[in-house]
Protein backbone atom coordinates (compact mmCIF):
# COMPACT_ATOMS: atom_id res chain seq x y z
CA MET A 1 0.81 -17.93 8.21
CA ARG A 2 3.74 -17.00 10.05
CA ARG A 3 2.73 -12.98 9.04
CA ALA A 4 -0.61 -13.29 10.52
CA LEU A 5 0.73 -14.49 13.93
CA LEU A 6 3.07 -11.77 13.74
CA GLY A 7 0.72 -9.20 13.41
CA LEU A 8 -1.65 -10.98 15.95
CA LEU A 9 1.23 -11.07 18.17
CA LEU A 10 1.91 -7.19 17.46
CA LEU A 11 -1.45 -5.95 17.99
CA ALA A 12 -1.11 -5.56 21.55
CA VAL A 13 2.22 -4.85 21.87
CA PRO A 14 3.09 -0.80 22.81
CA ALA A 15 5.61 1.54 21.05
CA ALA A 16 8.50 0.55 23.04
CA ALA A 17 11.49 2.41 24.52
CA GLU A 18 14.46 2.55 22.78
CA ILE A 19 17.16 -0.37 24.56
CA ALA A 20 19.53 1.00 26.96
CA PRO A 21 22.87 0.95 25.74
CA GLY A 22 24.14 -1.53 28.55
CA GLU A 23 21.11 -3.66 26.74
CA ARG A 24 22.46 -3.61 23.21
CA ARG A 25 23.52 -7.21 21.86
CA SER A 26 24.18 -7.86 18.11
CA GLY A 27 22.88 -10.42 16.76
CA PHE A 28 25.65 -12.91 16.66
CA ASP A 29 24.82 -13.29 20.38
CA GLN A 30 21.41 -15.17 19.29
CA MET A 31 23.01 -17.29 17.01
CA THR A 32 23.54 -21.02 17.63
CA PRO A 33 27.41 -21.84 18.20
CA GLU A 34 27.85 -23.38 14.46
CA LEU A 35 26.70 -20.10 13.11
CA ARG A 36 28.94 -18.20 14.93
CA ALA A 37 31.88 -20.40 14.31
CA MET A 38 31.02 -20.02 10.64
CA GLN A 39 31.39 -16.45 10.93
CA THR A 40 34.57 -16.15 12.96
CA ASP A 41 36.23 -18.24 10.56
CA GLU A 42 37.44 -16.70 7.61
CA ALA A 43 37.63 -20.16 6.07
CA ALA A 44 34.13 -20.49 6.38
CA ASN A 45 32.79 -17.52 6.20
CA PRO A 46 31.23 -17.52 2.29
CA GLY A 47 31.65 -13.72 2.58
CA GLN A 48 35.23 -13.76 2.51
CA LEU A 49 34.81 -14.65 -1.12
CA TRP A 50 33.03 -11.45 -1.62
CA VAL A 51 35.93 -9.40 0.45
CA GLY A 52 38.59 -11.36 -1.81
CA ASP A 53 36.84 -9.96 -4.58
CA GLY A 54 36.71 -6.53 -3.55
CA GLU A 55 40.71 -6.80 -2.49
CA GLU A 56 41.43 -7.41 -6.26
CA ALA A 57 38.86 -4.35 -7.96
CA TRP A 58 40.32 -1.91 -5.11
CA ALA A 59 44.12 -2.79 -6.86
CA ALA A 60 42.72 -3.08 -10.33
CA ALA A 61 42.72 0.01 -12.70
CA PRO A 62 39.44 0.88 -13.95
CA PRO A 63 39.42 0.83 -17.99
CA THR A 64 38.63 4.39 -17.94
CA GLY A 65 42.70 4.76 -17.19
CA ARG A 66 42.15 6.35 -14.40
CA PRO A 67 43.71 4.84 -10.73
CA ALA A 68 43.05 1.93 -8.86
CA CYS A 69 41.28 3.12 -5.71
CA ALA A 70 44.90 1.45 -4.17
CA GLY A 71 46.56 4.67 -6.53
CA CYS A 72 44.73 7.05 -4.30
CA HIS A 73 44.73 5.75 -1.09
CA GLY A 74 47.16 2.38 -0.83
CA ALA A 75 46.53 -0.55 0.09
CA VAL A 76 43.06 -1.60 1.03
CA ALA A 77 44.15 -2.28 5.08
CA THR A 78 44.11 1.74 5.14
CA MET A 79 40.70 2.04 5.20
CA ARG A 80 40.57 0.40 8.67
CA GLY A 81 37.29 2.38 11.09
CA VAL A 82 35.61 4.00 7.65
CA ALA A 83 33.36 1.29 7.97
CA ALA A 84 32.29 2.31 11.67
CA ARG A 85 31.92 5.91 10.87
CA TYR A 86 29.55 5.61 7.74
CA PRO A 87 26.88 6.52 6.61
CA ALA A 88 28.92 10.25 6.69
CA TRP A 89 28.13 14.15 5.22
CA ASP A 90 28.97 14.55 1.99
CA GLU A 91 30.52 18.10 1.47
CA ALA A 92 29.52 18.16 -2.68
CA ALA A 93 26.91 16.47 -2.94
CA ALA A 94 25.80 18.12 0.37
CA ARG A 95 24.07 14.80 1.54
CA PRO A 96 24.38 11.91 3.82
CA VAL A 97 26.51 8.52 1.94
CA ASP A 98 26.82 5.49 2.61
CA LEU A 99 29.69 2.83 2.35
CA GLN A 100 28.42 2.19 -0.78
CA GLY A 101 27.14 5.59 -2.06
CA ARG A 102 31.03 6.78 -1.21
CA ILE A 103 32.39 3.90 -3.28
CA ASN A 104 30.12 5.21 -6.05
CA LEU A 105 30.89 8.99 -5.64
CA CYS A 106 34.74 8.12 -5.89
CA ARG A 107 34.08 5.88 -8.98
CA THR A 108 32.33 8.90 -10.52
CA ARG A 109 34.40 11.99 -9.83
CA HIS A 110 37.76 10.46 -9.75
CA GLN A 111 38.02 7.29 -11.87
CA GLY A 112 35.36 8.81 -14.67
CA ALA A 113 33.86 5.40 -14.01
CA ASP A 114 30.07 4.49 -14.24
CA PRO A 115 28.26 4.22 -10.26
CA LEU A 116 27.81 0.02 -9.61
CA PRO A 117 24.37 -1.12 -9.43
CA PHE A 118 22.93 -1.67 -5.86
CA GLU A 119 23.17 -5.31 -5.15
CA SER A 120 25.85 -6.06 -7.71
CA ARG A 121 28.41 -8.32 -6.89
CA PRO A 122 31.39 -5.94 -7.74
CA LEU A 123 29.37 -3.03 -5.23
CA LEU A 124 28.91 -5.70 -2.67
CA ALA A 125 32.63 -7.11 -3.03
CA LEU A 126 34.00 -3.27 -2.52
CA THR A 127 31.96 -2.76 -0.10
CA ALA A 128 32.68 -6.12 1.56
CA ALA A 129 36.69 -5.07 1.51
CA VAL A 130 36.51 -2.02 2.78
CA ALA A 131 34.06 -2.96 5.65
CA ALA A 132 35.70 -5.91 6.61
CA GLN A 133 39.12 -3.70 7.53
CA SER A 134 37.01 -2.22 10.64
CA ARG A 135 36.14 -5.85 12.01
CA GLY A 136 36.52 -5.49 16.28
CA LEU A 137 35.91 -1.87 16.40
CA PRO A 138 33.05 -0.19 17.96
CA VAL A 139 30.42 1.81 15.41
CA ALA A 140 31.37 5.50 15.82
CA PRO A 141 28.53 7.41 14.28
CA PRO A 142 29.94 10.79 13.62
CA ALA A 143 28.48 14.22 15.75
CA ASP A 144 28.00 16.09 12.63
CA PRO A 145 24.63 18.55 13.54
CA ARG A 146 24.17 18.45 9.50
CA LEU A 147 23.28 14.52 9.95
CA ASP A 148 20.91 15.44 12.39
CA PRO A 149 17.43 15.79 10.12
CA ALA A 150 18.18 12.44 8.42
CA ARG A 151 18.93 10.64 11.81
CA ALA A 152 15.63 11.64 12.90
CA GLU A 153 14.04 11.05 10.22
CA GLY A 154 15.19 7.51 10.45
CA GLU A 155 13.73 6.79 13.88
CA ARG A 156 10.44 8.24 12.81
CA LEU A 157 10.71 5.39 10.30
CA PHE A 158 11.57 3.23 12.87
CA THR A 159 8.98 3.55 15.25
CA ARG A 160 6.24 4.51 12.75
CA ARG A 161 3.53 2.09 12.54
CA THR A 162 3.35 0.99 8.21
CA GLY A 163 1.93 -1.68 6.11
CA GLN A 164 -1.09 -4.17 6.10
CA LEU A 165 -0.67 -5.74 9.45
CA ASP A 166 -0.19 -1.74 10.68
CA LEU A 167 3.37 -2.48 11.97
CA ALA A 168 6.65 -0.68 13.57
CA CYS A 169 10.01 -1.98 13.32
CA ALA A 170 10.70 -0.81 17.02
CA GLN A 171 7.34 -3.01 17.97
CA CYS A 172 9.95 -6.21 16.95
CA HIS A 173 13.63 -4.81 17.92
CA ASP A 174 12.73 -2.93 20.74
CA ALA A 175 9.64 -4.55 22.26
CA LEU A 176 10.44 -8.41 21.63
CA TRP A 177 13.75 -8.73 21.02
CA GLY A 178 15.04 -11.59 22.56
CA ARG A 179 11.57 -13.94 22.20
CA ARG A 180 11.19 -16.44 19.73
CA LEU A 181 8.87 -15.59 16.26
CA GLY A 182 8.57 -19.56 15.54
CA ALA A 183 11.63 -21.31 15.03
CA SER A 184 13.30 -17.65 15.02
CA THR A 185 14.78 -15.55 17.79
CA ILE A 186 13.99 -11.97 17.45
CA PRO A 187 16.91 -9.97 17.03
CA GLN A 188 17.82 -5.83 17.88
CA GLY A 189 17.98 -5.54 14.24
CA HIS A 190 21.39 -3.68 14.57
CA PRO A 191 23.40 -3.25 11.18
CA ASN A 192 27.08 -4.13 12.80
CA GLY A 193 27.51 -6.87 10.13
CA TYR A 194 26.47 -5.04 6.93
CA PRO A 195 27.35 -6.51 4.30
CA LEU A 196 26.27 -9.80 5.24
CA TYR A 197 25.92 -13.31 4.15
CA ARG A 198 22.47 -14.34 5.00
CA LEU A 199 21.74 -18.06 4.98
CA GLU A 200 18.18 -17.67 3.63
CA TRP A 201 19.57 -15.88 0.71
CA GLN A 202 22.68 -17.74 0.20
CA ASP A 203 23.82 -14.67 -0.96
CA LEU A 204 26.06 -11.80 0.37
CA GLY A 205 23.21 -8.42 1.09
CA SER A 206 23.40 -4.94 2.26
CA LEU A 207 21.61 -3.39 4.37
CA GLN A 208 18.92 -1.39 2.27
CA ARG A 209 18.22 -5.19 0.99
CA ARG A 210 17.77 -6.91 4.14
CA LEU A 211 15.43 -3.17 4.80
CA ARG A 212 13.24 -4.07 2.06
CA ASN A 213 12.78 -7.18 3.49
CA CYS A 214 11.45 -6.29 6.27
CA LEU A 215 9.14 -3.64 4.35
CA THR A 216 7.47 -6.50 2.58
CA GLY A 217 6.72 -9.11 5.09
CA MET A 218 5.39 -5.78 6.88
CA ARG A 219 2.66 -5.69 3.53
CA ALA A 220 4.21 -2.36 3.09
CA GLU A 221 5.52 -0.98 -0.11
CA PRO A 222 9.75 -0.82 -0.46
CA TYR A 223 11.04 1.89 -1.46
CA PRO A 224 13.68 1.92 -4.41
CA PHE A 225 17.50 0.85 -4.01
CA GLY A 226 18.73 4.33 -2.78
CA ALA A 227 16.17 6.14 -1.78
CA PRO A 228 16.64 9.27 1.03
CA GLU A 229 14.42 6.94 3.23
CA TYR A 230 17.22 4.12 3.74
CA LEU A 231 19.80 6.26 5.00
CA ALA A 232 17.62 7.70 7.63
CA LEU A 233 17.01 4.61 8.71
CA GLU A 234 20.99 3.58 8.62
CA LEU A 235 21.91 6.70 10.32
CA HIS A 236 19.26 6.06 13.08
CA LEU A 237 20.29 2.11 13.15
CA MET A 238 23.91 3.30 13.37
CA ARG A 239 23.55 5.67 16.30
CA ARG A 240 21.56 2.82 17.75
CA ALA A 241 24.09 0.58 17.64
CA GLN A 242 26.83 2.84 18.72
CA GLY A 243 29.54 0.38 20.94
CA LEU A 244 28.61 -2.47 19.10
CA ALA A 245 31.75 -3.95 17.12
CA ILE A 246 31.65 -4.14 13.44
CA GLU A 247 31.41 -7.74 12.10
CA ALA A 248 31.27 -7.58 8.00
CA PRO A 249 30.52 -10.15 6.30
CA ALA A 250 28.32 -11.17 9.26
CA VAL A 251 26.87 -14.57 8.73
CA ARG A 252 22.90 -14.57 9.60
CA PRO A 253 20.34 -17.56 9.18
């Protein structure tokens, strides 16, 4: 029923202009005072459990006998600012990588370890621990022209109608943000809190998991985890969120 109502609501909505920089708002601003308090209180934010696990993993040497993350980088606090600049270009792979992709590349290249599976607790924990070091810093996408083709592809995917409901991401998150769909407020769809704890999931999850949920809700075939389409979308969304504060690990309904 909710999907049918969404489809009817959006059929007549034309493609929207991108939200002006001065009007960009984090999903945090649209939450209840209770949920905002949960996010800002580290003792109450469930995502901090993953951060703690990630900090332990950062300091632990892998079974390969190679150095721990801390052996090369020092304390995880040295990662401050990193999450605000990802996705970024990887020279050796000659392609963009997101933060969890960077962690897995470090494991395979420098630790001789296997990559961690997508949405696994170890990968989410390390990603959350690194991302948490940038809390409060503004999203600052790198001005690297090598990222431009993927970023443009992400914008195309964000504004393209898709799925059996023939909807585009921009129809909700650019044109109708702030309005209500049932009991829920439509957010602008910024990625500045990921990985985040979602009450609907009762779990921490990545941006890719959320994008897959959105595609399923539009009755479109979701891309597999790690697909280049997710990297492209994240590049576009981070540019669109430029200047908003990193909140990871955020809390959302």
